[in-house]
């Protein structure tokens, strides 16, 4: 199953907000600056989201005190993982996919703001288990 028209539209809106942040700030800042700016853009667009959402992690039936945090969970569909790194590595994609699985999000966007053009730092991901 693939994204519906509404999910594609939401993805385009999210990416549009991220592009506006990148266009305004450029590369080279901390991830937290991009996150705060993207939160402002998403809010102005009327997109519902949660920021820095704790993700519980269990190991063999035991809750681990040190869980994870999702950068942004958008509506009921998308997990956003923001980076400001020189190059996206396979571990970044694996981390985003794991967060998507743990939060039961069918779609994800891995956004690396440390690129000359943001379009080169965007990875769209799908979680088949949540589709």
N, C-alpha and C. Protein backbone atom coordinates (compact mmCIF):
# COMPACT_ATOMS: atom_id res chain seq x y z
N UNK A 1 0.85 -1.18 0.00
CA UNK A 1 0.00 0.00 0.00
C UNK A 1 0.90 1.24 0.00
N UNK A 2 0.53 2.24 -0.71
CA UNK A 2 1.33 3.46 -0.77
C UNK A 2 0.55 4.62 -0.17
N UNK A 3 1.19 5.76 -0.18
CA UNK A 3 0.58 6.96 0.38
C UNK A 3 -0.68 7.33 -0.39
N UNK A 4 -1.66 7.84 0.34
CA UNK A 4 -2.87 8.35 -0.29
C UNK A 4 -2.63 9.79 -0.74
N UNK A 5 -3.61 10.34 -1.43
CA UNK A 5 -3.51 11.73 -1.89
C UNK A 5 -3.32 12.67 -0.69
N UNK A 6 -4.08 12.44 0.40
CA UNK A 6 -3.99 13.30 1.58
C UNK A 6 -2.61 13.21 2.21
N UNK A 7 -2.05 11.99 2.24
CA UNK A 7 -0.72 11.82 2.83
C UNK A 7 0.35 12.46 1.95
N UNK A 8 0.19 12.36 0.63
CA UNK A 8 1.12 13.04 -0.27
C UNK A 8 1.05 14.56 -0.08
N UNK A 9 -0.16 15.07 0.07
CA UNK A 9 -0.35 16.50 0.28
C UNK A 9 0.31 16.93 1.60
N UNK A 10 0.12 16.14 2.65
CA UNK A 10 0.74 16.45 3.94
C UNK A 10 2.26 16.41 3.81
N UNK A 11 2.78 15.42 3.12
CA UNK A 11 4.22 15.32 2.91
C UNK A 11 4.74 16.56 2.19
N UNK A 12 4.03 17.00 1.17
CA UNK A 12 4.43 18.20 0.42
C UNK A 12 4.42 19.44 1.32
N UNK A 13 3.41 19.55 2.19
CA UNK A 13 3.34 20.70 3.10
C UNK A 13 4.51 20.68 4.08
N UNK A 14 4.80 19.50 4.63
CA UNK A 14 5.92 19.38 5.58
C UNK A 14 7.22 19.77 4.89
N UNK A 15 7.45 19.20 3.71
CA UNK A 15 8.68 19.50 2.98
C UNK A 15 8.75 20.98 2.61
N UNK A 16 7.61 21.57 2.24
CA UNK A 16 7.58 23.00 1.96
C UNK A 16 8.00 23.83 3.17
N UNK A 17 7.53 23.44 4.35
CA UNK A 17 7.93 24.13 5.58
C UNK A 17 9.43 23.98 5.82
N UNK A 18 9.94 22.77 5.62
CA UNK A 18 11.37 22.52 5.82
C UNK A 18 12.21 23.32 4.82
N UNK A 19 11.75 23.40 3.59
CA UNK A 19 12.48 24.18 2.57
C UNK A 19 12.49 25.66 2.95
N UNK A 20 11.39 26.16 3.47
CA UNK A 20 11.35 27.57 3.91
C UNK A 20 12.36 27.81 5.03
N UNK A 21 12.44 26.89 5.97
CA UNK A 21 13.42 27.02 7.06
C UNK A 21 14.83 27.03 6.48
N UNK A 22 15.11 26.09 5.58
CA UNK A 22 16.45 26.00 5.00
C UNK A 22 16.77 27.21 4.14
N UNK A 23 15.79 27.69 3.39
CA UNK A 23 15.99 28.87 2.55
C UNK A 23 16.32 30.09 3.41
N UNK A 24 15.68 30.19 4.56
CA UNK A 24 15.87 31.34 5.43
C UNK A 24 17.18 31.25 6.22
N UNK A 25 17.49 30.08 6.76
CA UNK A 25 18.64 29.93 7.64
C UNK A 25 19.90 29.43 6.95
N UNK A 26 19.73 28.62 5.91
CA UNK A 26 20.88 27.99 5.25
C UNK A 26 21.44 26.86 6.08
N UNK A 27 22.49 26.20 5.57
CA UNK A 27 23.11 25.10 6.30
C UNK A 27 24.08 25.60 7.36
N UNK A 28 24.51 24.69 8.24
CA UNK A 28 25.59 25.00 9.18
C UNK A 28 25.19 25.28 10.60
N UNK A 29 23.90 25.21 10.93
CA UNK A 29 23.46 25.47 12.30
C UNK A 29 23.20 24.16 13.03
N UNK A 30 22.90 24.26 14.30
CA UNK A 30 22.59 23.08 15.10
C UNK A 30 21.20 22.54 14.75
N UNK A 31 21.04 21.25 14.91
CA UNK A 31 19.76 20.59 14.66
C UNK A 31 18.64 21.24 15.46
N UNK A 32 18.91 21.62 16.69
CA UNK A 32 17.88 22.22 17.55
C UNK A 32 17.35 23.53 16.98
N UNK A 33 18.17 24.29 16.28
CA UNK A 33 17.74 25.54 15.66
C UNK A 33 16.76 25.24 14.52
N UNK A 34 17.10 24.24 13.72
CA UNK A 34 16.21 23.86 12.62
C UNK A 34 14.89 23.31 13.16
N UNK A 35 14.97 22.54 14.22
CA UNK A 35 13.75 21.98 14.82
C UNK A 35 12.82 23.09 15.30
N UNK A 36 13.38 24.03 16.05
CA UNK A 36 12.56 25.13 16.57
C UNK A 36 11.95 25.95 15.42
N UNK A 37 12.72 26.17 14.38
CA UNK A 37 12.22 26.93 13.23
C UNK A 37 11.15 26.16 12.48
N UNK A 38 11.35 24.85 12.32
CA UNK A 38 10.36 24.03 11.62
C UNK A 38 9.06 23.97 12.43
N UNK A 39 9.16 23.93 13.73
CA UNK A 39 7.97 23.96 14.59
C UNK A 39 7.17 25.24 14.32
N UNK A 40 7.87 26.35 14.18
CA UNK A 40 7.18 27.62 13.90
C UNK A 40 6.48 27.56 12.55
N UNK A 41 7.15 27.02 11.53
CA UNK A 41 6.55 26.91 10.20
C UNK A 41 5.35 25.98 10.19
N UNK A 42 5.47 24.82 10.84
CA UNK A 42 4.36 23.87 10.90
C UNK A 42 3.16 24.51 11.61
N UNK A 43 3.42 25.23 12.68
CA UNK A 43 2.34 25.90 13.42
C UNK A 43 1.63 26.92 12.55
N UNK A 44 2.40 27.72 11.83
CA UNK A 44 1.80 28.74 10.96
C UNK A 44 0.97 28.12 9.84
N UNK A 45 1.33 26.91 9.43
CA UNK A 45 0.62 26.23 8.36
C UNK A 45 -0.61 25.49 8.88
N UNK A 46 -0.72 25.35 10.19
CA UNK A 46 -1.87 24.67 10.78
C UNK A 46 -1.72 23.16 10.83
N UNK A 47 -0.51 22.66 10.65
CA UNK A 47 -0.26 21.22 10.71
C UNK A 47 -0.11 20.82 12.18
N UNK A 48 -0.84 19.78 12.58
CA UNK A 48 -0.77 19.30 13.96
C UNK A 48 0.46 18.42 14.14
N UNK A 49 1.16 18.61 15.26
CA UNK A 49 2.38 17.85 15.52
C UNK A 49 2.64 17.79 17.01
N UNK A 50 3.52 16.87 17.39
CA UNK A 50 4.05 16.80 18.75
C UNK A 50 5.57 16.87 18.62
N UNK A 51 6.19 17.53 19.58
CA UNK A 51 7.63 17.76 19.53
C UNK A 51 8.33 17.01 20.65
N UNK A 52 9.48 16.42 20.36
CA UNK A 52 10.31 15.72 21.33
C UNK A 52 9.47 14.73 22.15
N UNK A 53 8.83 13.83 21.44
CA UNK A 53 7.92 12.86 22.05
C UNK A 53 8.72 11.68 22.60
N UNK A 54 8.57 11.39 23.90
CA UNK A 54 9.26 10.22 24.45
C UNK A 54 8.75 8.94 23.80
N UNK A 55 9.68 8.06 23.47
CA UNK A 55 9.34 6.76 22.90
C UNK A 55 9.81 5.70 23.88
N UNK A 56 8.87 5.01 24.51
CA UNK A 56 9.29 3.97 25.45
C UNK A 56 9.93 2.79 24.71
N UNK A 57 10.94 2.24 25.32
CA UNK A 57 11.62 1.08 24.76
C UNK A 57 11.62 -0.01 25.82
N UNK A 58 11.25 -1.22 25.40
CA UNK A 58 11.28 -2.36 26.32
C UNK A 58 12.28 -3.39 25.81
N UNK A 59 12.88 -4.07 26.76
CA UNK A 59 13.80 -5.14 26.44
C UNK A 59 13.41 -6.35 27.26
N UNK A 60 12.98 -7.40 26.57
CA UNK A 60 12.56 -8.65 27.20
C UNK A 60 11.54 -8.38 28.31
N UNK A 61 10.58 -7.53 27.99
CA UNK A 61 9.50 -7.24 28.92
C UNK A 61 9.81 -6.20 29.98
N UNK A 62 10.98 -5.63 29.94
CA UNK A 62 11.38 -4.62 30.93
C UNK A 62 11.45 -3.25 30.26
N UNK A 63 10.80 -2.27 30.89
CA UNK A 63 10.90 -0.91 30.39
C UNK A 63 12.28 -0.37 30.69
N UNK A 64 12.90 0.18 29.67
CA UNK A 64 14.22 0.77 29.87
C UNK A 64 14.05 2.22 30.29
N UNK A 65 14.78 2.63 31.29
CA UNK A 65 14.68 4.00 31.78
C UNK A 65 15.12 5.00 30.71
N UNK A 66 16.02 4.59 29.88
CA UNK A 66 16.50 5.46 28.81
C UNK A 66 15.84 5.07 27.50
N UNK A 67 14.72 5.68 27.24
CA UNK A 67 14.06 5.45 25.96
C UNK A 67 14.63 6.40 24.93
N UNK A 68 13.87 6.67 23.92
CA UNK A 68 14.28 7.57 22.85
C UNK A 68 13.28 8.72 22.79
N UNK A 69 13.58 9.68 21.95
CA UNK A 69 12.66 10.79 21.69
C UNK A 69 12.55 10.99 20.19
N UNK A 70 11.32 11.10 19.74
CA UNK A 70 11.09 11.44 18.34
C UNK A 70 11.16 12.95 18.21
N UNK A 71 11.87 13.44 17.20
CA UNK A 71 11.97 14.89 17.00
C UNK A 71 10.57 15.48 16.83
N UNK A 72 9.84 14.99 15.82
CA UNK A 72 8.49 15.49 15.56
C UNK A 72 7.61 14.35 15.07
N UNK A 73 6.40 14.26 15.62
CA UNK A 73 5.38 13.36 15.11
C UNK A 73 4.28 14.23 14.54
N UNK A 74 4.00 14.06 13.26
CA UNK A 74 3.07 14.92 12.56
C UNK A 74 1.78 14.16 12.29
N UNK A 75 0.70 14.74 12.83
CA UNK A 75 -0.63 14.16 12.71
C UNK A 75 -0.52 12.68 13.07
N UNK A 76 -1.25 11.80 12.43
CA UNK A 76 -1.17 10.38 12.77
C UNK A 76 -0.35 9.60 11.76
N UNK A 77 0.35 10.31 10.87
CA UNK A 77 0.98 9.63 9.75
C UNK A 77 2.50 9.68 9.72
N UNK A 78 3.09 10.81 10.07
CA UNK A 78 4.51 11.00 9.81
C UNK A 78 5.35 11.13 11.07
N UNK A 79 6.53 10.51 11.01
CA UNK A 79 7.59 10.75 11.97
C UNK A 79 8.67 11.53 11.26
N UNK A 80 9.13 12.61 11.86
CA UNK A 80 10.18 13.43 11.27
C UNK A 80 11.43 13.30 12.11
N UNK A 81 12.53 13.01 11.46
CA UNK A 81 13.83 12.92 12.13
C UNK A 81 14.72 13.97 11.50
N UNK A 82 15.12 14.95 12.27
CA UNK A 82 15.92 16.07 11.76
C UNK A 82 17.39 15.85 12.06
N UNK A 83 18.21 16.16 11.07
CA UNK A 83 19.65 16.05 11.20
C UNK A 83 20.31 17.31 10.67
N UNK A 84 21.53 17.54 11.14
CA UNK A 84 22.38 18.61 10.61
C UNK A 84 23.79 18.02 10.54
N UNK A 85 23.96 17.08 9.62
CA UNK A 85 25.21 16.33 9.49
C UNK A 85 25.79 16.51 8.10
N UNK A 86 27.07 16.20 7.98
CA UNK A 86 27.73 16.35 6.67
C UNK A 86 27.12 15.42 5.62
N UNK A 87 26.86 14.18 6.03
CA UNK A 87 26.31 13.18 5.13
C UNK A 87 25.35 12.27 5.89
N UNK A 88 24.21 11.98 5.29
CA UNK A 88 23.30 11.00 5.88
C UNK A 88 23.92 9.62 5.71
N UNK A 89 23.94 8.87 6.79
CA UNK A 89 24.51 7.52 6.78
C UNK A 89 23.39 6.50 6.93
N UNK A 90 23.66 5.25 6.60
CA UNK A 90 22.65 4.21 6.78
C UNK A 90 22.11 4.14 8.21
N UNK A 91 22.93 4.45 9.20
CA UNK A 91 22.47 4.41 10.59
C UNK A 91 21.37 5.46 10.84
N UNK A 92 21.43 6.60 10.16
CA UNK A 92 20.40 7.62 10.33
C UNK A 92 19.06 7.11 9.81
N UNK A 93 19.08 6.45 8.66
CA UNK A 93 17.85 5.90 8.11
C UNK A 93 17.33 4.77 9.00
N UNK A 94 18.22 3.93 9.50
CA UNK A 94 17.80 2.84 10.40
C UNK A 94 17.17 3.40 11.66
N UNK A 95 17.73 4.46 12.21
CA UNK A 95 17.19 5.09 13.41
C UNK A 95 15.79 5.63 13.14
N UNK A 96 15.61 6.31 12.02
CA UNK A 96 14.30 6.86 11.66
C UNK A 96 13.28 5.75 11.50
N UNK A 97 13.66 4.67 10.81
CA UNK A 97 12.74 3.54 10.64
C UNK A 97 12.36 2.91 11.97
N UNK A 98 13.32 2.80 12.87
CA UNK A 98 13.03 2.24 14.20
C UNK A 98 12.06 3.14 14.95
N UNK A 99 12.27 4.45 14.92
CA UNK A 99 11.34 5.37 15.58
C UNK A 99 9.95 5.27 14.98
N UNK A 100 9.89 5.11 13.66
CA UNK A 100 8.59 4.96 12.99
C UNK A 100 7.88 3.70 13.49
N UNK A 101 8.63 2.61 13.61
CA UNK A 101 8.04 1.35 14.09
C UNK A 101 7.57 1.49 15.53
N UNK A 102 8.39 2.10 16.38
CA UNK A 102 8.04 2.23 17.79
C UNK A 102 6.85 3.16 18.02
N UNK A 103 6.63 4.11 17.12
CA UNK A 103 5.50 5.05 17.25
C UNK A 103 4.35 4.69 16.32
N UNK A 104 4.50 3.58 15.61
CA UNK A 104 3.47 3.09 14.69
C UNK A 104 3.09 4.13 13.63
N UNK A 105 4.08 4.79 13.08
CA UNK A 105 3.87 5.76 12.00
C UNK A 105 4.12 5.08 10.66
N UNK A 106 3.20 5.21 9.73
CA UNK A 106 3.40 4.55 8.44
C UNK A 106 4.44 5.24 7.55
N UNK A 107 4.66 6.53 7.76
CA UNK A 107 5.55 7.29 6.89
C UNK A 107 6.53 8.11 7.72
N UNK A 108 7.68 8.36 7.12
CA UNK A 108 8.68 9.16 7.80
C UNK A 108 9.44 10.03 6.82
N UNK A 109 9.96 11.11 7.36
CA UNK A 109 10.84 11.98 6.59
C UNK A 109 12.12 12.18 7.40
N UNK A 110 13.22 11.84 6.81
CA UNK A 110 14.53 12.10 7.37
C UNK A 110 15.04 13.35 6.66
N UNK A 111 15.24 14.42 7.42
CA UNK A 111 15.58 15.73 6.83
C UNK A 111 16.96 16.17 7.33
N UNK A 112 17.91 16.29 6.42
CA UNK A 112 19.25 16.77 6.75
C UNK A 112 19.39 18.22 6.27
N UNK A 113 19.47 19.13 7.23
CA UNK A 113 19.52 20.55 6.90
C UNK A 113 20.93 21.03 6.55
N UNK A 114 21.92 20.19 6.70
CA UNK A 114 23.29 20.61 6.41
C UNK A 114 23.68 20.26 4.97
N UNK A 115 22.88 20.75 4.04
CA UNK A 115 23.14 20.55 2.61
C UNK A 115 22.99 21.89 1.90
N UNK A 116 23.63 22.00 0.75
CA UNK A 116 23.52 23.25 -0.02
C UNK A 116 22.07 23.47 -0.45
N UNK A 117 21.40 22.39 -0.89
CA UNK A 117 19.98 22.44 -1.25
C UNK A 117 19.29 21.35 -0.46
N UNK A 118 18.25 21.71 0.27
CA UNK A 118 17.58 20.75 1.16
C UNK A 118 17.07 19.54 0.41
N UNK A 119 16.67 19.70 -0.84
CA UNK A 119 16.13 18.59 -1.62
C UNK A 119 17.09 17.39 -1.63
N UNK A 120 18.40 17.67 -1.50
CA UNK A 120 19.40 16.59 -1.49
C UNK A 120 19.51 15.93 -0.11
N UNK A 121 18.86 16.51 0.89
CA UNK A 121 18.93 15.96 2.24
C UNK A 121 17.62 15.35 2.71
N UNK A 122 16.70 15.06 1.79
CA UNK A 122 15.40 14.51 2.16
C UNK A 122 15.33 13.04 1.79
N UNK A 123 14.92 12.21 2.75
CA UNK A 123 14.66 10.79 2.51
C UNK A 123 13.24 10.50 2.96
N UNK A 124 12.42 9.98 2.06
CA UNK A 124 11.06 9.55 2.41
C UNK A 124 11.11 8.07 2.73
N UNK A 125 10.50 7.69 3.84
CA UNK A 125 10.53 6.32 4.28
C UNK A 125 9.12 5.81 4.56
N UNK A 126 8.96 4.48 4.41
CA UNK A 126 7.67 3.85 4.72
C UNK A 126 7.89 2.72 5.70
N UNK A 127 6.93 2.55 6.60
CA UNK A 127 6.93 1.48 7.58
C UNK A 127 5.83 0.49 7.16
N UNK A 128 6.17 -0.58 6.44
CA UNK A 128 5.14 -1.50 5.93
C UNK A 128 4.26 -2.08 7.03
N UNK A 129 4.78 -2.23 8.23
CA UNK A 129 3.99 -2.80 9.32
C UNK A 129 2.85 -1.89 9.75
N UNK A 130 2.95 -0.59 9.48
CA UNK A 130 1.92 0.36 9.91
C UNK A 130 1.01 0.79 8.78
N UNK A 131 1.26 0.32 7.57
CA UNK A 131 0.43 0.73 6.42
C UNK A 131 -0.92 0.04 6.45
